[in-house]
């Protein structure tokens, strides 16, 4: 199982390239907060989630968004958007960074978090009551980010975590729905590509400086490798 961690205050790019500090907007251009940190795979440097600081409107202060659910904002330069509203976010289980330190706790949190995308969907496009049939390009595996994600290190969609999806779910991003009406499952691939210049540059810098970014991680250096399930200490050292 992949080992995830955050960057916290570590700088891996120029300030202008850093997505931390960028604003995140939801449905109907509602401001949700700003990107405070990223959760990335220590073995690949791929960003799996962004951590969003709400500025106080959410009781738990912060929430996470899967990287492949983000897109560049069309209304706000260098900022990002996601098909969520505040009510849906309030229904997510509270995010705690400390859960990342325990494989069991993080696996449990991801399961509970993912279930909210499955059981509390946006049923239709904002401001309309029509359902939308997915096009060929919206079918699973046909979007640019899905193709790139499936070629690289996989998230839930690539099989590294449990979960199933449907053809209709692939249209979620374009239709404004987390899960379209009539479906009961969702795939969150936790990988993204082609979101926008600022994102792509930051992701590239993180991958280039991955070893530096994980240098302080005791798990990656092999000191706690026995906690990684079937992965051996030698495998971890080799990956780094």
Protein backbone atom coordinates (compact mmCIF):
# COMPACT_ATOMS: atom_id res chain seq x y z
CA UNK A 1 0.00 0.00 0.00
CA UNK A 2 1.27 3.46 -0.87
CA UNK A 3 2.61 5.65 1.90
CA UNK A 4 1.23 9.19 1.94
CA UNK A 5 2.40 12.35 3.66
CA UNK A 6 2.13 16.13 3.53
CA UNK A 7 4.63 18.85 2.63
CA UNK A 8 3.71 21.16 5.50
CA UNK A 9 6.07 24.16 5.28
CA UNK A 10 8.58 22.58 2.92
CA UNK A 11 9.20 24.52 -0.28
CA UNK A 12 9.79 22.57 -3.45
CA UNK A 13 9.18 25.30 -6.04
CA UNK A 14 9.17 29.04 -6.58
CA UNK A 15 6.39 30.90 -4.79
CA UNK A 16 4.64 31.74 -8.06
CA UNK A 17 4.51 28.05 -8.97
CA UNK A 18 3.29 26.82 -5.57
CA UNK A 19 -0.37 25.82 -5.57
CA UNK A 20 -0.51 26.28 -1.80
CA UNK A 21 -2.35 29.51 -1.23
CA UNK A 22 -4.49 29.15 -4.36
CA UNK A 23 -8.23 29.57 -3.78
CA UNK A 24 -10.71 26.77 -4.31
CA UNK A 25 -14.21 27.43 -5.63
CA UNK A 26 -17.20 25.12 -5.55
CA UNK A 27 -20.54 24.88 -7.32
CA UNK A 28 -22.03 28.21 -8.40
CA UNK A 29 -18.59 29.80 -7.95
CA UNK A 30 -18.88 29.56 -4.15
CA UNK A 31 -15.53 30.15 -2.44
CA UNK A 32 -14.68 27.12 -0.30
CA UNK A 33 -11.25 28.10 1.02
CA UNK A 34 -7.63 28.00 -0.05
CA UNK A 35 -5.23 25.12 -0.66
CA UNK A 36 -3.17 24.78 2.50
CA UNK A 37 -1.15 21.62 1.75
CA UNK A 38 -1.00 18.52 -0.43
CA UNK A 39 -1.06 14.83 0.44
CA UNK A 40 1.30 12.98 -1.88
CA UNK A 41 2.58 9.47 -2.50
CA UNK A 42 6.08 9.27 -1.07
CA UNK A 43 7.18 6.60 -3.53
CA UNK A 44 6.19 8.51 -6.67
CA UNK A 45 5.74 12.16 -5.73
CA UNK A 46 2.22 12.16 -7.19
CA UNK A 47 -0.30 14.38 -5.42
CA UNK A 48 -3.33 12.40 -4.25
CA UNK A 49 -5.29 15.06 -2.35
CA UNK A 50 -5.20 18.77 -1.65
CA UNK A 51 -5.88 19.96 1.89
CA UNK A 52 -8.18 22.97 1.93
CA UNK A 53 -8.29 25.52 4.75
CA UNK A 54 -11.84 26.86 4.96
CA UNK A 55 -10.94 29.93 6.97
CA UNK A 56 -13.39 28.97 9.70
CA UNK A 57 -16.77 28.18 8.13
CA UNK A 58 -16.19 24.42 8.64
CA UNK A 59 -16.08 23.14 12.23
CA UNK A 60 -13.07 20.89 11.52
CA UNK A 61 -11.35 23.84 9.74
CA UNK A 62 -9.95 21.75 6.87
CA UNK A 63 -11.10 19.15 4.35
CA UNK A 64 -9.50 17.24 1.50
CA UNK A 65 -10.28 16.90 -2.20
CA UNK A 66 -8.97 14.12 -4.48
CA UNK A 67 -6.52 15.56 -6.98
CA UNK A 68 -8.37 14.19 -9.99
CA UNK A 69 -11.55 16.01 -8.92
CA UNK A 70 -9.92 19.41 -9.30
CA UNK A 71 -9.89 21.57 -12.39
CA UNK A 72 -8.50 24.99 -13.22
CA UNK A 73 -11.01 27.74 -12.44
CA UNK A 74 -12.36 29.43 -15.55
CA UNK A 75 -13.38 32.50 -13.55
CA UNK A 76 -10.30 33.00 -11.38
CA UNK A 77 -6.78 32.92 -12.80
CA UNK A 78 -4.37 30.48 -11.09
CA UNK A 79 -7.13 29.21 -8.80
CA UNK A 80 -9.05 25.91 -8.83
CA UNK A 81 -12.59 24.56 -8.79
CA UNK A 82 -14.41 21.39 -7.71
CA UNK A 83 -17.99 20.20 -8.05
CA UNK A 84 -18.86 20.44 -4.35
CA UNK A 85 -20.88 22.73 -2.14
CA UNK A 86 -20.49 23.51 1.55
CA UNK A 87 -23.32 21.21 2.62
CA UNK A 88 -21.62 18.21 1.02
CA UNK A 89 -18.29 19.13 2.57
CA UNK A 90 -19.89 19.37 6.00
CA UNK A 91 -20.98 15.76 5.56
CA UNK A 92 -17.41 14.53 5.01
CA UNK A 93 -15.74 12.87 8.01
CA UNK A 94 -13.42 15.39 9.72
CA UNK A 95 -9.90 15.41 8.29
CA UNK A 96 -7.05 14.96 10.77
CA UNK A 97 -3.47 15.10 9.49
CA UNK A 98 -2.35 12.77 12.29
CA UNK A 99 -4.33 9.93 10.65
CA UNK A 100 -1.66 9.82 7.94
CA UNK A 101 0.83 8.55 10.50
CA UNK A 102 -1.10 5.30 10.89
CA UNK A 103 -1.82 3.04 7.93
CA UNK A 104 -4.87 1.62 9.70
CA UNK A 105 -6.33 5.01 10.61
CA UNK A 106 -5.77 6.44 7.14
CA UNK A 107 -7.29 3.41 5.42
CA UNK A 108 -10.32 3.71 7.69
CA UNK A 109 -10.61 7.45 7.01
CA UNK A 110 -10.34 7.01 3.24
CA UNK A 111 -13.09 4.41 3.35
CA UNK A 112 -15.43 6.67 5.29
CA UNK A 113 -14.54 9.67 3.15
CA UNK A 114 -15.09 7.77 -0.10
CA UNK A 115 -18.48 6.51 1.08
CA UNK A 116 -19.72 10.09 1.25
CA UNK A 117 -19.08 10.51 -2.46
CA UNK A 118 -21.13 7.36 -3.00
CA UNK A 119 -24.09 7.91 -0.69
CA UNK A 120 -24.62 11.68 -0.80
CA UNK A 121 -24.30 12.57 -4.49
CA UNK A 122 -25.13 15.70 -6.40
CA UNK A 123 -27.90 14.18 -8.47
CA UNK A 124 -27.95 16.58 -11.41
CA UNK A 125 -26.23 19.53 -12.98
CA UNK A 126 -26.58 22.76 -11.04
CA UNK A 127 -29.67 24.82 -11.93
CA UNK A 128 -31.26 22.10 -14.07
CA UNK A 129 -33.32 18.98 -13.44
CA UNK A 130 -31.95 17.07 -16.44
CA UNK A 131 -29.72 14.04 -16.25
CA UNK A 132 -26.94 13.84 -18.80
CA UNK A 133 -25.90 10.70 -20.68
CA UNK A 134 -22.10 10.35 -20.78
CA UNK A 135 -20.39 10.71 -24.14
CA UNK A 136 -17.73 8.29 -25.39
CA UNK A 137 -15.03 10.62 -24.13
CA UNK A 138 -16.61 10.61 -20.68
CA UNK A 139 -16.61 6.85 -20.35
CA UNK A 140 -14.23 5.34 -17.75
CA UNK A 141 -10.60 5.49 -18.84
CA UNK A 142 -11.23 7.91 -21.70
CA UNK A 143 -10.63 11.25 -20.01
CA UNK A 144 -7.05 12.63 -20.24
CA UNK A 145 -6.47 12.50 -16.48
CA UNK A 146 -7.79 8.95 -16.21
CA UNK A 147 -5.58 7.73 -19.05
CA UNK A 148 -2.50 9.29 -17.49
CA UNK A 149 -3.42 8.04 -14.01
CA UNK A 150 -3.93 4.50 -15.21
CA UNK A 151 -0.58 4.52 -16.97
CA UNK A 152 1.25 5.65 -13.83
CA UNK A 153 0.88 4.93 -10.14
CA UNK A 154 -2.75 4.00 -9.57
CA UNK A 155 -5.17 5.14 -6.93
CA UNK A 156 -8.54 3.55 -6.29
CA UNK A 157 -9.36 3.43 -10.01
CA UNK A 158 -6.14 1.59 -10.83
CA UNK A 159 -6.75 -1.02 -8.17
CA UNK A 160 -4.37 0.01 -5.39
CA UNK A 161 -7.40 0.58 -3.19
CA UNK A 162 -10.77 -1.13 -3.15
CA UNK A 163 -13.74 0.41 -4.91
CA UNK A 164 -15.79 0.10 -8.05
CA UNK A 165 -17.26 2.58 -10.48
CA UNK A 166 -19.81 2.83 -13.25
CA UNK A 167 -19.82 4.26 -16.75
CA UNK A 168 -22.09 7.08 -15.66
CA UNK A 169 -19.74 8.14 -12.87
CA UNK A 170 -17.08 9.07 -15.40
CA UNK A 171 -19.31 11.94 -16.50
CA UNK A 172 -19.38 13.39 -12.99
CA UNK A 173 -16.86 16.12 -13.56
CA UNK A 174 -18.45 17.43 -16.73
CA UNK A 175 -22.04 17.20 -15.49
CA UNK A 176 -21.48 18.77 -12.09
CA UNK A 177 -22.36 15.58 -10.25
CA UNK A 178 -20.29 13.58 -7.81
CA UNK A 179 -22.27 10.48 -8.77
CA UNK A 180 -24.98 10.76 -11.43
CA UNK A 181 -28.53 9.73 -10.60
CA UNK A 182 -29.13 6.01 -10.62
CA UNK A 183 -25.60 4.97 -9.63
CA UNK A 184 -24.46 3.64 -6.30
CA UNK A 185 -20.67 3.68 -6.52
CA UNK A 186 -17.80 5.96 -7.39
CA UNK A 187 -14.18 5.74 -8.45
CA UNK A 188 -11.73 8.26 -7.08
CA UNK A 189 -8.46 7.59 -8.86
CA UNK A 190 -6.44 9.98 -6.66
CA UNK A 191 -4.28 11.00 -9.57
CA UNK A 192 -4.53 13.91 -11.95
CA UNK A 193 -2.81 15.45 -14.93
CA UNK A 194 -3.40 18.39 -17.21
CA UNK A 195 -5.29 20.44 -14.61
CA UNK A 196 -3.49 23.64 -15.55
CA UNK A 197 -0.11 25.29 -15.83
CA UNK A 198 0.28 26.15 -12.16
CA UNK A 199 -0.74 22.66 -11.03
CA UNK A 200 1.34 20.81 -13.60
CA UNK A 201 4.47 22.83 -12.83
CA UNK A 202 4.10 22.28 -9.09
CA UNK A 203 3.48 18.56 -9.57
CA UNK A 204 6.58 18.30 -11.77
CA UNK A 205 8.71 20.10 -9.15
CA UNK A 206 7.44 17.78 -6.43
CA UNK A 207 8.35 14.70 -8.44
CA UNK A 208 11.78 16.14 -9.23
CA UNK A 209 12.46 16.87 -5.56
CA UNK A 210 10.66 13.88 -4.10
CA UNK A 211 13.71 12.52 -2.27
CA UNK A 212 14.22 15.87 -0.60
CA UNK A 213 10.53 16.10 0.26
CA UNK A 214 10.49 12.70 2.01
CA UNK A 215 13.94 12.93 3.60
CA UNK A 216 12.49 13.39 7.07
CA UNK A 217 10.05 10.47 6.81
CA UNK A 218 11.10 7.61 9.09
CA UNK A 219 8.91 5.14 7.19
CA UNK A 220 10.52 5.91 3.83
CA UNK A 221 14.03 5.69 5.24
CA UNK A 222 13.24 2.17 6.45
CA UNK A 223 13.17 2.90 10.17
CA UNK A 224 9.50 1.92 10.38
CA UNK A 225 9.23 -0.26 7.30
CA UNK A 226 7.67 -3.18 9.18
CA UNK A 227 4.53 -1.10 9.51
CA UNK A 228 4.06 -1.07 5.75
CA UNK A 229 2.36 -4.45 5.46
CA UNK A 230 3.86 -6.60 2.73
CA UNK A 231 6.47 -4.01 1.67
CA UNK A 232 9.94 -4.69 3.04
CA UNK A 233 12.46 -2.18 4.29
CA UNK A 234 14.66 -2.94 1.31
CA UNK A 235 11.83 -2.17 -1.10
CA UNK A 236 11.18 1.14 0.59
CA UNK A 237 14.80 2.19 0.43
CA UNK A 238 14.99 1.24 -3.22
CA UNK A 239 11.84 3.25 -3.99
CA UNK A 240 13.39 6.34 -2.47
